[in-house]
C-alpha atoms as a PDB file:
ATOM      1  CA  UNK A   1      32.458   6.986 -12.510  1.00  0.00           C
ATOM      2  CA  UNK A   2      29.925   6.958  -9.679  1.00  0.00           C
ATOM      3  CA  UNK A   3      30.868  10.550  -8.826  1.00  0.00           C
ATOM      4  CA  UNK A   4      29.983  11.704 -12.350  1.00  0.00           C
ATOM      5  CA  UNK A   5      26.667   9.834 -12.169  1.00  0.00           C
ATOM      6  CA  UNK A   6      25.833  11.477  -8.846  1.00  0.00           C
ATOM      7  CA  UNK A   7      26.637  14.957 -10.184  1.00  0.00           C
ATOM      8  CA  UNK A   8      24.428  14.219 -13.214  1.00  0.00           C
ATOM      9  CA  UNK A   9      21.627  13.272 -10.806  1.00  0.00           C
ATOM     10  CA  UNK A  10      22.068  16.538  -8.876  1.00  0.00           C
ATOM     11  CA  UNK A  11      22.039  18.627 -12.059  1.00  0.00           C
ATOM     12  CA  UNK A  12      18.982  16.781 -13.364  1.00  0.00           C
ATOM     13  CA  UNK A  13      17.142  17.375 -10.073  1.00  0.00           C
ATOM     14  CA  UNK A  14      17.959  21.089 -10.084  1.00  0.00           C
ATOM     15  CA  UNK A  15      17.061  21.482 -13.760  1.00  0.00           C
ATOM     16  CA  UNK A  16      13.755  19.648 -13.287  1.00  0.00           C
ATOM     17  CA  UNK A  17      12.902  22.042 -10.460  1.00  0.00           C
ATOM     18  CA  UNK A  18      13.823  25.029 -12.641  1.00  0.00           C
ATOM     19  CA  UNK A  19      11.632  23.726 -15.472  1.00  0.00           C
ATOM     20  CA  UNK A  20       8.733  23.275 -13.049  1.00  0.00           C
ATOM     21  CA  UNK A  21       9.251  26.800 -11.680  1.00  0.00           C
ATOM     22  CA  UNK A  22       9.146  28.206 -15.220  1.00  0.00           C
ATOM     23  CA  UNK A  23       5.978  26.387 -16.202  1.00  0.00           C
ATOM     24  CA  UNK A  24       4.137  28.697 -18.561  1.00  0.00           C
ATOM     25  CA  UNK A  25       7.310  30.466 -19.689  1.00  0.00           C
ATOM     26  CA  UNK A  26      10.650  31.648 -18.451  1.00  0.00           C
ATOM     27  CA  UNK A  27      14.357  31.170 -18.864  1.00  0.00           C
ATOM     28  CA  UNK A  28      16.916  28.852 -17.308  1.00  0.00           C
ATOM     29  CA  UNK A  29      20.639  29.602 -17.354  1.00  0.00           C
ATOM     30  CA  UNK A  30      23.543  27.378 -16.358  1.00  0.00           C
ATOM     31  CA  UNK A  31      26.902  28.983 -15.596  1.00  0.00           C
ATOM     32  CA  UNK A  32      30.144  27.536 -14.350  1.00  0.00           C
ATOM     33  CA  UNK A  33      33.118  29.310 -12.875  1.00  0.00           C
ATOM     34  CA  UNK A  34      36.293  28.680 -10.968  1.00  0.00           C
ATOM     35  CA  UNK A  35      36.172  31.213  -8.114  1.00  0.00           C
ATOM     36  CA  UNK A  36      39.453  29.928  -6.646  1.00  0.00           C
ATOM     37  CA  UNK A  37      42.102  27.268  -7.174  1.00  0.00           C
ATOM     38  CA  UNK A  38      40.294  25.125  -4.618  1.00  0.00           C
ATOM     39  CA  UNK A  39      36.683  25.355  -5.830  1.00  0.00           C
ATOM     40  CA  UNK A  40      34.422  25.210  -8.843  1.00  0.00           C
ATOM     41  CA  UNK A  41      30.864  26.434  -8.936  1.00  0.00           C
ATOM     42  CA  UNK A  42      27.840  25.539 -11.053  1.00  0.00           C
ATOM     43  CA  UNK A  43      24.981  28.015 -10.982  1.00  0.00           C
ATOM     44  CA  UNK A  44      21.450  27.191 -12.175  1.00  0.00           C
ATOM     45  CA  UNK A  45      19.239  30.262 -12.421  1.00  0.00           C
ATOM     46  CA  UNK A  46      15.610  30.397 -13.462  1.00  0.00           C
ATOM     47  CA  UNK A  47      13.154  33.231 -13.989  1.00  0.00           C
ATOM     48  CA  UNK A  48      10.262  31.238 -12.570  1.00  0.00           C
ATOM     49  CA  UNK A  49       7.907  31.834  -9.696  1.00  0.00           C
ATOM     50  CA  UNK A  50      10.571  31.814  -6.996  1.00  0.00           C
ATOM     51  CA  UNK A  51      10.555  30.102  -3.619  1.00  0.00           C
ATOM     52  CA  UNK A  52       8.212  31.339  -0.933  1.00  0.00           C
ATOM     53  CA  UNK A  53      10.356  32.664   1.957  1.00  0.00           C
ATOM     54  CA  UNK A  54       8.450  30.488   4.443  1.00  0.00           C
ATOM     55  CA  UNK A  55       9.777  27.371   2.673  1.00  0.00           C
ATOM     56  CA  UNK A  56      13.412  28.464   2.270  1.00  0.00           C
ATOM     57  CA  UNK A  57      14.618  26.820   5.494  1.00  0.00           C
ATOM     58  CA  UNK A  58      12.895  23.532   4.568  1.00  0.00           C
ATOM     59  CA  UNK A  59      13.791  23.060   0.909  1.00  0.00           C
ATOM     60  CA  UNK A  60      16.498  20.466   1.624  1.00  0.00           C
ATOM     61  CA  UNK A  61      14.373  18.491   4.098  1.00  0.00           C
ATOM     62  CA  UNK A  62      13.280  15.035   2.903  1.00  0.00           C
ATOM     63  CA  UNK A  63       9.694  14.908   1.605  1.00  0.00           C
ATOM     64  CA  UNK A  64       9.413  18.692   1.655  1.00  0.00           C
ATOM     65  CA  UNK A  65       7.701  19.812  -1.541  1.00  0.00           C
ATOM     66  CA  UNK A  66       5.338  22.438  -2.831  1.00  0.00           C
ATOM     67  CA  UNK A  67       4.578  20.393  -5.944  1.00  0.00           C
ATOM     68  CA  UNK A  68       1.388  18.392  -6.357  1.00  0.00           C
ATOM     69  CA  UNK A  69       1.816  14.731  -5.372  1.00  0.00           C
ATOM     70  CA  UNK A  70       2.006  13.503  -8.965  1.00  0.00           C
ATOM     71  CA  UNK A  71       4.754  16.021  -9.814  1.00  0.00           C
ATOM     72  CA  UNK A  72       7.273  15.232  -7.088  1.00  0.00           C
ATOM     73  CA  UNK A  73       8.215  13.310  -3.968  1.00  0.00           C
ATOM     74  CA  UNK A  74      10.110  16.009  -2.113  1.00  0.00           C
ATOM     75  CA  UNK A  75      13.337  14.009  -2.302  1.00  0.00           C
ATOM     76  CA  UNK A  76      15.173  15.685  -5.195  1.00  0.00           C
ATOM     77  CA  UNK A  77      16.735  18.574  -3.287  1.00  0.00           C
ATOM     78  CA  UNK A  78      17.325  16.463  -0.189  1.00  0.00           C
ATOM     79  CA  UNK A  79      19.210  13.817  -2.177  1.00  0.00           C
ATOM     80  CA  UNK A  80      21.084  16.500  -4.116  1.00  0.00           C
ATOM     81  CA  UNK A  81      22.113  18.233  -0.902  1.00  0.00           C
ATOM     82  CA  UNK A  82      23.386  14.930   0.527  1.00  0.00           C
ATOM     83  CA  UNK A  83      25.420  14.121  -2.583  1.00  0.00           C
ATOM     84  CA  UNK A  84      27.069  17.542  -2.703  1.00  0.00           C
ATOM     85  CA  UNK A  85      27.776  17.552   1.044  1.00  0.00           C
ATOM     86  CA  UNK A  86      29.265  14.040   0.831  1.00  0.00           C
ATOM     87  CA  UNK A  87      31.762  15.358  -1.709  1.00  0.00           C
ATOM     88  CA  UNK A  88      32.810  18.276   0.477  1.00  0.00           C
ATOM     89  CA  UNK A  89      30.648  20.880  -1.243  1.00  0.00           C
ATOM     90  CA  UNK A  90      27.581  22.960  -0.565  1.00  0.00           C
ATOM     91  CA  UNK A  91      24.472  24.258  -2.298  1.00  0.00           C
ATOM     92  CA  UNK A  92      23.501  27.891  -1.791  1.00  0.00           C
ATOM     93  CA  UNK A  93      20.036  29.184  -2.664  1.00  0.00           C
ATOM     94  CA  UNK A  94      18.703  32.663  -3.276  1.00  0.00           C
ATOM     95  CA  UNK A  95      15.207  33.436  -4.478  1.00  0.00           C
ATOM     96  CA  UNK A  96      12.720  36.213  -4.906  1.00  0.00           C
ATOM     97  CA  UNK A  97       9.030  35.537  -5.360  1.00  0.00           C
ATOM     98  CA  UNK A  98       7.949  36.182  -8.914  1.00  0.00           C
ATOM     99  CA  UNK A  99      11.532  36.581 -10.098  1.00  0.00           C
ATOM    100  CA  UNK A 100      13.018  33.104  -9.837  1.00  0.00           C
ATOM    101  CA  UNK A 101      15.711  31.274  -7.962  1.00  0.00           C
ATOM    102  CA  UNK A 102      19.445  30.705  -8.148  1.00  0.00           C
ATOM    103  CA  UNK A 103      20.969  27.475  -6.869  1.00  0.00           C
ATOM    104  CA  UNK A 104      24.752  27.449  -6.730  1.00  0.00           C
ATOM    105  CA  UNK A 105      26.715  24.246  -6.258  1.00  0.00           C
ATOM    106  CA  UNK A 106      30.235  24.728  -4.893  1.00  0.00           C
ATOM    107  CA  UNK A 107      32.599  21.764  -5.040  1.00  0.00           C
ATOM    108  CA  UNK A 108      36.246  21.328  -4.137  1.00  0.00           C
ATOM    109  CA  UNK A 109      38.435  20.902  -7.195  1.00  0.00           C
ATOM    110  CA  UNK A 110      40.443  18.099  -5.582  1.00  0.00           C
ATOM    111  CA  UNK A 111      37.211  16.116  -5.114  1.00  0.00           C
ATOM    112  CA  UNK A 112      36.424  16.483  -8.779  1.00  0.00           C
ATOM    113  CA  UNK A 113      39.967  15.562  -9.833  1.00  0.00           C
ATOM    114  CA  UNK A 114      39.862  12.344  -7.828  1.00  0.00           C
ATOM    115  CA  UNK A 115      36.528  11.209  -9.253  1.00  0.00           C
END
């Protein structure tokens, strides 16, 4: 059960970031796929403001945030990264300024089965 709760926390963190990025309008899409027998992937894509390239290498660092202090602590992506890594997965990020971001969670199927 704790695995499911942790995945819910990760998805909530990523969705909250997508909502923030789309402030003022935009779209958010969630897609899942099974790219192989060994892995599943969950993709969260937004059409928001995108991530500034100078921040891309820091987005998973604790307390790293571009949000105003009252909007975030800078821990959401760091915690999410740790949870996914702990379960043998990874989070990939692509972004283009003014066009949004795509965060893709890849998890091993056997890790999900054993949850």
